[in-house]
Amino acid sequence: MEVKDALVQTLQIAKANALEEEDFVKAIQQKIAWLLQYDFNALLNMLYTLDVDEAKLQKAIEQNTNKELNEIISDVIIERQLKRIADKVSFSLLFTTASEEEKW
């Protein structure tokens, strides 16, 4: 799972590769909850590093009043990583399918 690989180093989740998807999401949520409570500046730095859009995060927080904040932030982080992977695949496909003249 490429999303898992992208987040393991940034979030520093121990034994993440051994976790199933649901458990991995819970581990992310727990890490975010810890950062919210004990190291908010590190959370902000991590969100910046992961290129999480502040407006999207704010919108998600406003729309999901029935969810815990750590769950909302985790969802937005995972969504961003999935988008990065999709963009990377699209970009590489663009160059692999382009003719030699279209390439620089």
PDB file of N, CA and C in Angstrom:
ATOM      1  N   MET A   1       0.845  -1.182   0.000  1.00  0.00           N
ATOM      2  CA  MET A   1       0.000   0.000   0.000  1.00  0.00           C
ATOM      3  C   MET A   1       0.887   1.242   0.000  1.00  0.00           C
ATOM      4  N   GLU A   2       0.843   1.990  -1.055  1.00  0.00           N
ATOM      5  CA  GLU A   2       1.705   3.141  -1.213  1.00  0.00           C
ATOM      6  C   GLU A   2       1.375   4.257  -0.231  1.00  0.00           C
ATOM      7  N   VAL A   3       0.115   4.394   0.127  1.00  0.00           N
ATOM      8  CA  VAL A   3      -0.272   5.412   1.111  1.00  0.00           C
ATOM      9  C   VAL A   3       0.404   5.111   2.437  1.00  0.00           C
ATOM     10  N   LYS A   4       0.389   3.860   2.816  1.00  0.00           N
ATOM     11  CA  LYS A   4       1.011   3.455   4.074  1.00  0.00           C
ATOM     12  C   LYS A   4       2.491   3.803   4.055  1.00  0.00           C
ATOM     13  N   ASP A   5       3.164   3.461   2.961  1.00  0.00           N
ATOM     14  CA  ASP A   5       4.591   3.751   2.854  1.00  0.00           C
ATOM     15  C   ASP A   5       4.872   5.243   2.965  1.00  0.00           C
ATOM     16  N   ALA A   6       4.011   6.045   2.344  1.00  0.00           N
ATOM     17  CA  ALA A   6       4.206   7.491   2.357  1.00  0.00           C
ATOM     18  C   ALA A   6       4.010   8.082   3.749  1.00  0.00           C
ATOM     19  N   LEU A   7       3.186   7.473   4.562  1.00  0.00           N
ATOM     20  CA  LEU A   7       2.864   8.033   5.874  1.00  0.00           C
ATOM     21  C   LEU A   7       3.700   7.469   7.019  1.00  0.00           C
ATOM     22  N   VAL A   8       4.255   6.282   6.827  1.00  0.00           N
ATOM     23  CA  VAL A   8       4.982   5.629   7.920  1.00  0.00           C
ATOM     24  C   VAL A   8       6.108   6.502   8.441  1.00  0.00           C
ATOM     25  N   GLN A   9       6.919   7.028   7.540  1.00  0.00           N
ATOM     26  CA  GLN A   9       8.060   7.824   7.964  1.00  0.00           C
ATOM     27  C   GLN A   9       7.619   9.149   8.587  1.00  0.00           C
ATOM     28  N   THR A  10       6.678   9.814   7.965  1.00  0.00           N
ATOM     29  CA  THR A  10       6.239  11.120   8.457  1.00  0.00           C
ATOM     30  C   THR A  10       5.578  11.011   9.826  1.00  0.00           C
ATOM     31  N   LEU A  11       4.735  10.012  10.002  1.00  0.00           N
ATOM     32  CA  LEU A  11       4.002   9.864  11.265  1.00  0.00           C
ATOM     33  C   LEU A  11       4.763   9.055  12.309  1.00  0.00           C
ATOM     34  N   GLN A  12       5.813   8.376  11.883  1.00  0.00           N
ATOM     35  CA  GLN A  12       6.619   7.553  12.783  1.00  0.00           C
ATOM     36  C   GLN A  12       5.765   6.565  13.567  1.00  0.00           C
ATOM     37  N   ILE A  13       5.032   5.740  12.835  1.00  0.00           N
ATOM     38  CA  ILE A  13       4.186   4.721  13.449  1.00  0.00           C
ATOM     39  C   ILE A  13       4.964   3.409  13.486  1.00  0.00           C
ATOM     40  N   ALA A  14       5.189   2.909  14.678  1.00  0.00           N
ATOM     41  CA  ALA A  14       5.963   1.684  14.851  1.00  0.00           C
ATOM     42  C   ALA A  14       5.216   0.478  14.293  1.00  0.00           C
ATOM     43  N   LYS A  15       5.933  -0.396  13.647  1.00  0.00           N
ATOM     44  CA  LYS A  15       5.410  -1.657  13.103  1.00  0.00           C
ATOM     45  C   LYS A  15       4.231  -1.448  12.156  1.00  0.00           C
ATOM     46  N   ALA A  16       4.212  -0.325  11.451  1.00  0.00           N
ATOM     47  CA  ALA A  16       3.082   0.007  10.582  1.00  0.00           C
ATOM     48  C   ALA A  16       2.924  -0.982   9.435  1.00  0.00           C
ATOM     49  N   ASN A  17       4.022  -1.510   8.933  1.00  0.00           N
ATOM     50  CA  ASN A  17       3.939  -2.421   7.794  1.00  0.00           C
ATOM     51  C   ASN A  17       3.226  -3.721   8.140  1.00  0.00           C
ATOM     52  N   ALA A  18       3.192  -4.059   9.411  1.00  0.00           N
ATOM     53  CA  ALA A  18       2.520  -5.287   9.839  1.00  0.00           C
ATOM     54  C   ALA A  18       1.027  -5.078  10.082  1.00  0.00           C
ATOM     55  N   LEU A  19       0.570  -3.843  10.031  1.00  0.00           N
ATOM     56  CA  LEU A  19      -0.823  -3.541  10.336  1.00  0.00           C
ATOM     57  C   LEU A  19      -1.723  -3.698   9.116  1.00  0.00           C
ATOM     58  N   GLU A  20      -2.926  -4.168   9.350  1.00  0.00           N
ATOM     59  CA  GLU A  20      -3.943  -4.191   8.305  1.00  0.00           C
ATOM     60  C   GLU A  20      -4.438  -2.757   8.103  1.00  0.00           C
ATOM     61  N   GLU A  21      -5.170  -2.514   7.011  1.00  0.00           N
ATOM     62  CA  GLU A  21      -5.593  -1.152   6.676  1.00  0.00           C
ATOM     63  C   GLU A  21      -6.375  -0.488   7.804  1.00  0.00           C
ATOM     64  N   GLU A  22      -7.347  -1.183   8.360  1.00  0.00           N
ATOM     65  CA  GLU A  22      -8.176  -0.604   9.422  1.00  0.00           C
ATOM     66  C   GLU A  22      -7.341  -0.261  10.651  1.00  0.00           C
ATOM     67  N   ASP A  23      -6.426  -1.155  11.011  1.00  0.00           N
ATOM     68  CA  ASP A  23      -5.559  -0.903  12.163  1.00  0.00           C
ATOM     69  C   ASP A  23      -4.583   0.237  11.880  1.00  0.00           C
ATOM     70  N   PHE A  24      -4.150   0.338  10.631  1.00  0.00           N
ATOM     71  CA  PHE A  24      -3.251   1.425  10.254  1.00  0.00           C
ATOM     72  C   PHE A  24      -3.961   2.773  10.382  1.00  0.00           C
ATOM     73  N   VAL A  25      -5.210   2.840   9.937  1.00  0.00           N
ATOM     74  CA  VAL A  25      -5.991   4.072  10.062  1.00  0.00           C
ATOM     75  C   VAL A  25      -6.161   4.423  11.544  1.00  0.00           C
ATOM     76  N   LYS A  26      -6.434   3.428  12.373  1.00  0.00           N
ATOM     77  CA  LYS A  26      -6.561   3.679  13.816  1.00  0.00           C
ATOM     78  C   LYS A  26      -5.241   4.182  14.403  1.00  0.00           C
ATOM     79  N   ALA A  27      -4.125   3.633  13.925  1.00  0.00           N
ATOM     80  CA  ALA A  27      -2.813   4.082  14.403  1.00  0.00           C
ATOM     81  C   ALA A  27      -2.578   5.541  14.018  1.00  0.00           C
ATOM     82  N   ILE A  28      -2.987   5.911  12.811  1.00  0.00           N
ATOM     83  CA  ILE A  28      -2.874   7.312  12.381  1.00  0.00           C
ATOM     84  C   ILE A  28      -3.730   8.194  13.286  1.00  0.00           C
ATOM     85  N   GLN A  29      -4.953   7.761  13.542  1.00  0.00           N
ATOM     86  CA  GLN A  29      -5.852   8.532  14.399  1.00  0.00           C
ATOM     87  C   GLN A  29      -5.275   8.706  15.800  1.00  0.00           C
ATOM     88  N   GLN A  30      -4.672   7.664  16.326  1.00  0.00           N
ATOM     89  CA  GLN A  30      -4.071   7.747  17.659  1.00  0.00           C
ATOM     90  C   GLN A  30      -2.884   8.704  17.665  1.00  0.00           C
ATOM     91  N   LYS A  31      -2.077   8.639  16.608  1.00  0.00           N
ATOM     92  CA  LYS A  31      -0.925   9.532  16.509  1.00  0.00           C
ATOM     93  C   LYS A  31      -1.392  10.993  16.424  1.00  0.00           C
ATOM     94  N   ILE A  32      -2.433  11.242  15.632  1.00  0.00           N
ATOM     95  CA  ILE A  32      -2.967  12.596  15.494  1.00  0.00           C
ATOM     96  C   ILE A  32      -3.535  13.067  16.837  1.00  0.00           C
ATOM     97  N   ALA A  33      -4.239  12.191  17.539  1.00  0.00           N
ATOM     98  CA  ALA A  33      -4.797  12.553  18.851  1.00  0.00           C
ATOM     99  C   ALA A  33      -3.668  12.922  19.816  1.00  0.00           C
ATOM    100  N   TRP A  34      -2.592  12.156  19.800  1.00  0.00           N
ATOM    101  CA  TRP A  34      -1.450  12.455  20.669  1.00  0.00           C
ATOM    102  C   TRP A  34      -0.849  13.813  20.316  1.00  0.00           C
ATOM    103  N   LEU A  35      -0.663  14.054  19.015  1.00  0.00           N
ATOM    104  CA  LEU A  35      -0.088  15.324  18.583  1.00  0.00           C
ATOM    105  C   LEU A  35      -0.998  16.504  18.952  1.00  0.00           C
ATOM    106  N   LEU A  36      -2.293  16.325  18.807  1.00  0.00           N
ATOM    107  CA  LEU A  36      -3.242  17.378  19.184  1.00  0.00           C
ATOM    108  C   LEU A  36      -3.096  17.748  20.660  1.00  0.00           C
ATOM    109  N   GLN A  37      -2.909  16.744  21.484  1.00  0.00           N
ATOM    110  CA  GLN A  37      -2.855  16.979  22.923  1.00  0.00           C
ATOM    111  C   GLN A  37      -1.474  17.423  23.410  1.00  0.00           C
ATOM    112  N   TYR A  38      -0.409  16.852  22.840  1.00  0.00           N
ATOM    113  CA  TYR A  38       0.914  17.064  23.430  1.00  0.00           C
ATOM    114  C   TYR A  38       1.909  17.850  22.565  1.00  0.00           C
ATOM    115  N   ASP A  39       1.696  17.893  21.256  1.00  0.00           N
ATOM    116  CA  ASP A  39       2.676  18.566  20.402  1.00  0.00           C
ATOM    117  C   ASP A  39       1.996  19.150  19.164  1.00  0.00           C
ATOM    118  N   PHE A  40       1.189  20.184  19.401  1.00  0.00           N
ATOM    119  CA  PHE A  40       0.408  20.787  18.330  1.00  0.00           C
ATOM    120  C   PHE A  40       1.300  21.361  17.228  1.00  0.00           C
ATOM    121  N   ASN A  41       2.442  21.942  17.598  1.00  0.00           N
ATOM    122  CA  ASN A  41       3.355  22.488  16.596  1.00  0.00           C
ATOM    123  C   ASN A  41       3.877  21.395  15.668  1.00  0.00           C
ATOM    124  N   ALA A  42       4.158  20.224  16.207  1.00  0.00           N
ATOM    125  CA  ALA A  42       4.609  19.104  15.375  1.00  0.00           C
ATOM    126  C   ALA A  42       3.498  18.674  14.415  1.00  0.00           C
ATOM    127  N   LEU A  43       2.258  18.726  14.884  1.00  0.00           N
ATOM    128  CA  LEU A  43       1.120  18.395  14.016  1.00  0.00           C
ATOM    129  C   LEU A  43       1.034  19.390  12.862  1.00  0.00           C
ATOM    130  N   LEU A  44       1.155  20.664  13.172  1.00  0.00           N
ATOM    131  CA  LEU A  44       1.111  21.685  12.118  1.00  0.00           C
ATOM    132  C   LEU A  44       2.248  21.494  11.117  1.00  0.00           C
ATOM    133  N   ASN A  45       3.436  21.197  11.611  1.00  0.00           N
ATOM    134  CA  ASN A  45       4.573  20.939  10.719  1.00  0.00           C
ATOM    135  C   ASN A  45       4.323  19.723   9.840  1.00  0.00           C
ATOM    136  N   MET A  46       3.742  18.686  10.424  1.00  0.00           N
ATOM    137  CA  MET A  46       3.454  17.475   9.666  1.00  0.00           C
ATOM    138  C   MET A  46       2.423  17.755   8.576  1.00  0.00           C
ATOM    139  N   LEU A  47       1.380  18.505   8.904  1.00  0.00           N
ATOM    140  CA  LEU A  47       0.365  18.836   7.911  1.00  0.00           C
ATOM    141  C   LEU A  47       0.982  19.642   6.766  1.00  0.00           C
ATOM    142  N   TYR A  48       1.897  20.521   7.094  1.00  0.00           N
ATOM    143  CA  TYR A  48       2.607  21.293   6.073  1.00  0.00           C
ATOM    144  C   TYR A  48       3.472  20.374   5.208  1.00  0.00           C
ATOM    145  N   THR A  49       4.207  19.494   5.846  1.00  0.00           N
ATOM    146  CA  THR A  49       5.076  18.552   5.133  1.00  0.00           C
ATOM    147  C   THR A  49       4.277  17.660   4.188  1.00  0.00           C
ATOM    148  N   LEU A  50       3.101  17.228   4.643  1.00  0.00           N
ATOM    149  CA  LEU A  50       2.251  16.360   3.827  1.00  0.00           C
ATOM    150  C   LEU A  50       1.426  17.146   2.805  1.00  0.00           C
ATOM    151  N   ASP A  51       1.566  18.461   2.810  1.00  0.00           N
ATOM    152  CA  ASP A  51       0.897  19.345   1.855  1.00  0.00           C
ATOM    153  C   ASP A  51      -0.624  19.245   1.951  1.00  0.00           C
ATOM    154  N   VAL A  52      -1.113  19.228   3.201  1.00  0.00           N
ATOM    155  CA  VAL A  52      -2.552  19.187   3.435  1.00  0.00           C
ATOM    156  C   VAL A  52      -3.107  20.597   3.258  1.00  0.00           C
ATOM    157  N   ASP A  53      -4.126  20.721   2.427  1.00  0.00           N
ATOM    158  CA  ASP A  53      -4.736  22.019   2.140  1.00  0.00           C
ATOM    159  C   ASP A  53      -5.515  22.500   3.361  1.00  0.00           C
ATOM    160  N   GLU A  54      -5.141  23.664   3.858  1.00  0.00           N
ATOM    161  CA  GLU A  54      -5.767  24.213   5.063  1.00  0.00           C
ATOM    162  C   GLU A  54      -7.262  24.440   4.872  1.00  0.00           C
ATOM    163  N   ALA A  55      -7.661  24.912   3.703  1.00  0.00           N
ATOM    164  CA  ALA A  55      -9.079  25.169   3.433  1.00  0.00           C
ATOM    165  C   ALA A  55      -9.876  23.861   3.420  1.00  0.00           C
ATOM    166  N   LYS A  56      -9.301  22.812   2.837  1.00  0.00           N
ATOM    167  CA  LYS A  56      -9.990  21.509   2.830  1.00  0.00           C
ATOM    168  C   LYS A  56     -10.125  20.963   4.241  1.00  0.00           C
ATOM    169  N   LEU A  57      -9.081  21.136   5.027  1.00  0.00           N
ATOM    170  CA  LEU A  57      -9.130  20.663   6.408  1.00  0.00           C
ATOM    171  C   LEU A  57     -10.189  21.418   7.201  1.00  0.00           C
ATOM    172  N   GLN A  58     -10.223  22.727   7.049  1.00  0.00           N
ATOM    173  CA  GLN A  58     -11.218  23.546   7.749  1.00  0.00           C
ATOM    174  C   GLN A  58     -12.629  23.156   7.333  1.00  0.00           C
ATOM    175  N   LYS A  59     -12.836  22.940   6.039  1.00  0.00           N
ATOM    176  CA  LYS A  59     -14.151  22.536   5.530  1.00  0.00           C
ATOM    177  C   LYS A  59     -14.561  21.177   6.101  1.00  0.00           C
ATOM    178  N   ALA A  60     -13.613  20.248   6.143  1.00  0.00           N
ATOM    179  CA  ALA A  60     -13.900  18.920   6.693  1.00  0.00           C
ATOM    180  C   ALA A  60     -14.268  18.999   8.164  1.00  0.00           C
ATOM    181  N   ILE A  61     -13.584  19.853   8.896  1.00  0.00           N
ATOM    182  CA  ILE A  61     -13.885  20.029  10.325  1.00  0.00           C
ATOM    183  C   ILE A  61     -15.282  20.599  10.505  1.00  0.00           C
ATOM    184  N   GLU A  62     -15.634  21.586   9.688  1.00  0.00           N
ATOM    185  CA  GLU A  62     -16.956  22.206   9.788  1.00  0.00           C
ATOM    186  C   GLU A  62     -18.080  21.250   9.396  1.00  0.00           C
ATOM    187  N   GLN A  63     -17.833  20.369   8.428  1.00  0.00           N
ATOM    188  CA  GLN A  63     -18.870  19.467   7.926  1.00  0.00           C
ATOM    189  C   GLN A  63     -19.030  18.202   8.753  1.00  0.00           C
ATOM    190  N   ASN A  64     -18.049  17.863   9.560  1.00  0.00           N
ATOM    191  CA  ASN A  64     -18.084  16.600  10.304  1.00  0.00           C
ATOM    192  C   ASN A  64     -18.131  16.838  11.801  1.00  0.00           C
ATOM    193  N   THR A  65     -19.173  17.492  12.236  1.00  0.00           N
ATOM    194  CA  THR A  65     -19.285  17.824  13.656  1.00  0.00           C
ATOM    195  C   THR A  65     -19.527  16.595  14.529  1.00  0.00           C
ATOM    196  N   ASN A  66     -19.906  15.480  13.918  1.00  0.00           N
ATOM    197  CA  ASN A  66     -20.182  14.268  14.694  1.00  0.00           C
ATOM    198  C   ASN A  66     -18.947  13.374  14.844  1.00  0.00           C
ATOM    199  N   LYS A  67     -17.818  13.755  14.236  1.00  0.00           N
ATOM    200  CA  LYS A  67     -16.599  12.959  14.317  1.00  0.00           C
ATOM    201  C   LYS A  67     -15.579  13.655  15.214  1.00  0.00           C
ATOM    202  N   GLU A  68     -14.700  12.854  15.766  1.00  0.00           N
ATOM    203  CA  GLU A  68     -13.602  13.386  16.567  1.00  0.00           C
ATOM    204  C   GLU A  68     -12.611  14.110  15.651  1.00  0.00           C
ATOM    205  N   LEU A  69     -11.954  15.126  16.166  1.00  0.00           N
ATOM    206  CA  LEU A  69     -11.028  15.923  15.379  1.00  0.00           C
ATOM    207  C   LEU A  69      -9.884  15.073  14.812  1.00  0.00           C
ATOM    208  N   ASN A  70      -9.359  14.156  15.609  1.00  0.00           N
ATOM    209  CA  ASN A  70      -8.267  13.316  15.126  1.00  0.00           C
ATOM    210  C   ASN A  70      -8.710  12.430  13.953  1.00  0.00           C
ATOM    211  N   GLU A  71      -9.950  11.995  13.949  1.00  0.00           N
ATOM    212  CA  GLU A  71     -10.474  11.190  12.841  1.00  0.00           C
ATOM    213  C   GLU A  71     -10.594  12.033  11.573  1.00  0.00           C
ATOM    214  N   ILE A  72     -11.058  13.252  11.721  1.00  0.00           N
ATOM    215  CA  ILE A  72     -11.217  14.152  10.576  1.00  0.00           C
ATOM    216  C   ILE A  72      -9.851  14.457   9.962  1.00  0.00           C
ATOM    217  N   ILE A  73      -8.893  14.810  10.802  1.00  0.00           N
ATOM    218  CA  ILE A  73      -7.556  15.125  10.306  1.00  0.00           C
ATOM    219  C   ILE A  73      -6.943  13.907   9.631  1.00  0.00           C
ATOM    220  N   SER A  74      -7.115  12.736  10.215  1.00  0.00           N
ATOM    221  CA  SER A  74      -6.592  11.505   9.618  1.00  0.00           C
ATOM    222  C   SER A  74      -7.202  11.257   8.242  1.00  0.00           C
ATOM    223  N   ASP A  75      -8.505  11.446   8.141  1.00  0.00           N
ATOM    224  CA  ASP A  75      -9.182  11.257   6.850  1.00  0.00           C
ATOM    225  C   ASP A  75      -8.636  12.204   5.790  1.00  0.00           C
ATOM    226  N   VAL A  76      -8.420  13.458   6.170  1.00  0.00           N
ATOM    227  CA  VAL A  76      -7.909  14.450   5.220  1.00  0.00           C
ATOM    228  C   VAL A  76      -6.479  14.104   4.806  1.00  0.00           C
ATOM    229  N   ILE A  77      -5.672  13.646   5.735  1.00  0.00           N
ATOM    230  CA  ILE A  77      -4.297  13.246   5.424  1.00  0.00           C
ATOM    231  C   ILE A  77      -4.290  12.082   4.439  1.00  0.00           C
ATOM    232  N   ILE A  78      -5.092  11.069   4.713  1.00  0.00           N
ATOM    233  CA  ILE A  78      -5.142   9.898   3.835  1.00  0.00           C
ATOM    234  C   ILE A  78      -5.660  10.296   2.453  1.00  0.00           C
ATOM    235  N   GLU A  79      -6.681  11.128   2.420  1.00  0.00           N
ATOM    236  CA  GLU A  79      -7.221  11.608   1.142  1.00  0.00           C
ATOM    237  C   GLU A  79      -6.138  12.339   0.343  1.00  0.00           C
ATOM    238  N   ARG A  80      -5.360  13.169   1.018  1.00  0.00           N
ATOM    239  CA  ARG A  80      -4.285  13.908   0.338  1.00  0.00           C
ATOM    240  C   ARG A  80      -3.229  12.962  -0.223  1.00  0.00           C
ATOM    241  N   GLN A  81      -2.878  11.943   0.545  1.00  0.00           N
ATOM    242  CA  GLN A  81      -1.874  11.001   0.073  1.00  0.00           C
ATOM    243  C   GLN A  81      -2.382  10.200  -1.128  1.00  0.00           C
ATOM    244  N   LEU A  82      -3.651   9.829  -1.100  1.00  0.00           N
ATOM    245  CA  LEU A  82      -4.235   9.126  -2.258  1.00  0.00           C
ATOM    246  C   LEU A  82      -4.207  10.012  -3.496  1.00  0.00           C
ATOM    247  N   LYS A  83      -4.493  11.300  -3.307  1.00  0.00           N
ATOM    248  CA  LYS A  83      -4.454  12.244  -4.440  1.00  0.00           C
ATOM    249  C   LYS A  83      -3.044  12.389  -4.976  1.00  0.00           C
ATOM    250  N   ARG A  84      -2.064  12.454  -4.092  1.00  0.00           N
ATOM    251  CA  ARG A  84      -0.664  12.553  -4.528  1.00  0.00           C
ATOM    252  C   ARG A  84      -0.268  11.343  -5.365  1.00  0.00           C
ATOM    253  N   ILE A  85      -0.690  10.175  -4.924  1.00  0.00           N
ATOM    254  CA  ILE A  85      -0.355   8.955  -5.656  1.00  0.00           C
ATOM    255  C   ILE A  85      -1.043   8.945  -7.013  1.00  0.00           C
ATOM    256  N   ALA A  86      -2.308   9.333  -7.047  1.00  0.00           N
ATOM    257  CA  ALA A  86      -3.049   9.383  -8.312  1.00  0.00           C
ATOM    258  C   ALA A  86      -2.407  10.386  -9.268  1.00  0.00           C
ATOM    259  N   ASP A  87      -2.012  11.534  -8.750  1.00  0.00           N
ATOM    260  CA  ASP A  87      -1.355  12.539  -9.586  1.00  0.00           C
ATOM    261  C   ASP A  87      -0.031  12.018 -10.132  1.00  0.00           C
ATOM    262  N   LYS A  88       0.700  11.325  -9.286  1.00  0.00           N
ATOM    263  CA  LYS A  88       1.990  10.762  -9.700  1.00  0.00           C
ATOM    264  C   LYS A  88       1.805   9.741 -10.821  1.00  0.00           C
ATOM    265  N   VAL A  89       0.794   8.893 -10.691  1.00  0.00           N
ATOM    266  CA  VAL A  89       0.502   7.892 -11.716  1.00  0.00           C
ATOM    267  C   VAL A  89       0.064   8.574 -13.005  1.00  0.00           C
ATOM    268  N   SER A  90      -0.819   9.555 -12.903  1.00  0.00           N
ATOM    269  CA  SER A  90      -1.281  10.289 -14.086  1.00  0.00           C
ATOM    270  C   SER A  90      -0.127  10.970 -14.794  1.00  0.00           C
ATOM    271  N   PHE A  91       0.731  11.585 -14.028  1.00  0.00           N
ATOM    272  CA  PHE A  91       1.863  12.295 -14.596  1.00  0.00           C
ATOM    273  C   PHE A  91       2.816  11.330 -15.298  1.00  0.00           C
ATOM    274  N   SER A  92       3.096  10.200 -14.672  1.00  0.00           N
ATOM    275  CA  SER A  92       4.010   9.237 -15.292  1.00  0.00           C
ATOM    276  C   SER A  92       3.380   8.605 -16.523  1.00  0.00           C
ATOM    277  N   LEU A  93       2.061   8.371 -16.511  1.00  0.00           N
ATOM    278  CA  LEU A  93       1.382   7.840 -17.688  1.00  0.00           C
ATOM    279  C   LEU A  93       1.420   8.829 -18.838  1.00  0.00           C
ATOM    280  N   LEU A  94       1.313  10.092 -18.519  1.00  0.00           N
ATOM    281  CA  LEU A  94       1.368  11.132 -19.538  1.00  0.00           C
ATOM    282  C   LEU A  94       2.686  11.062 -20.292  1.00  0.00           C
ATOM    283  N   PHE A  95       3.762  10.857 -19.577  1.00  0.00           N
ATOM    284  CA  PHE A  95       5.063  10.821 -20.218  1.00  0.00           C
ATOM    285  C   PHE A  95       5.380   9.476 -20.854  1.00  0.00           C
ATOM    286  N   THR A  96       4.799   8.405 -20.370  1.00  0.00           N
ATOM    287  CA  THR A  96       5.072   7.115 -20.992  1.00  0.00           C
ATOM    288  C   THR A  96       4.254   6.923 -22.254  1.00  0.00           C
ATOM    289  N   THR A  97       3.134   7.610 -22.373  1.00  0.00           N
ATOM    290  CA  THR A  97       2.303   7.470 -23.570  1.00  0.00           C
ATOM    291  C   THR A  97       2.577   8.568 -24.589  1.00  0.00           C
ATOM    292  N   ALA A  98       3.325   9.587 -24.226  1.00  0.00           N
ATOM    293  CA  ALA A  98       3.626  10.676 -25.150  1.00  0.00           C
ATOM    294  C   ALA A  98       4.652  10.216 -26.186  1.00  0.00           C
ATOM    295  N   SER A  99       4.531  10.727 -27.377  1.00  0.00           N
ATOM    296  CA  SER A  99       5.503  10.404 -28.416  1.00  0.00           C
ATOM    297  C   SER A  99       6.810  11.111 -28.112  1.00  0.00           C
ATOM    298  N   GLU A 100       7.857  10.749 -28.803  1.00  0.00           N
ATOM    299  CA  GLU A 100       9.148  11.373 -28.584  1.00  0.00           C
ATOM    300  C   GLU A 100       9.108  12.870 -28.882  1.00  0.00           C
ATOM    301  N   GLU A 101       8.298  13.300 -29.836  1.00  0.00           N
ATOM    302  CA  GLU A 101       8.197  14.719 -30.161  1.00  0.00           C
ATOM    303  C   GLU A 101       7.526  15.501 -29.022  1.00  0.00           C
ATOM    304  N   GLU A 102       6.586  14.866 -28.332  1.00  0.00           N
ATOM    305  CA  GLU A 102       5.881  15.546 -27.252  1.00  0.00           C
ATOM    306  C   GLU A 102       6.736  15.648 -26.001  1.00  0.00           C
ATOM    307  N   LYS A 103       7.716  14.748 -25.875  1.00  0.00           N
ATOM    308  CA  LYS A 103       8.622  14.810 -24.731  1.00  0.00           C
ATOM    309  C   LYS A 103       9.633  15.910 -24.978  1.00  0.00           C
ATOM    310  N   TRP A 104      10.235  16.414 -23.977  1.00  0.00           N
ATOM    311  CA  TRP A 104      11.212  17.446 -24.151  1.00  0.00           C
ATOM    312  C   TRP A 104      12.484  16.761 -24.456  1.00  0.00           C
TER     313      TRP A 104
END
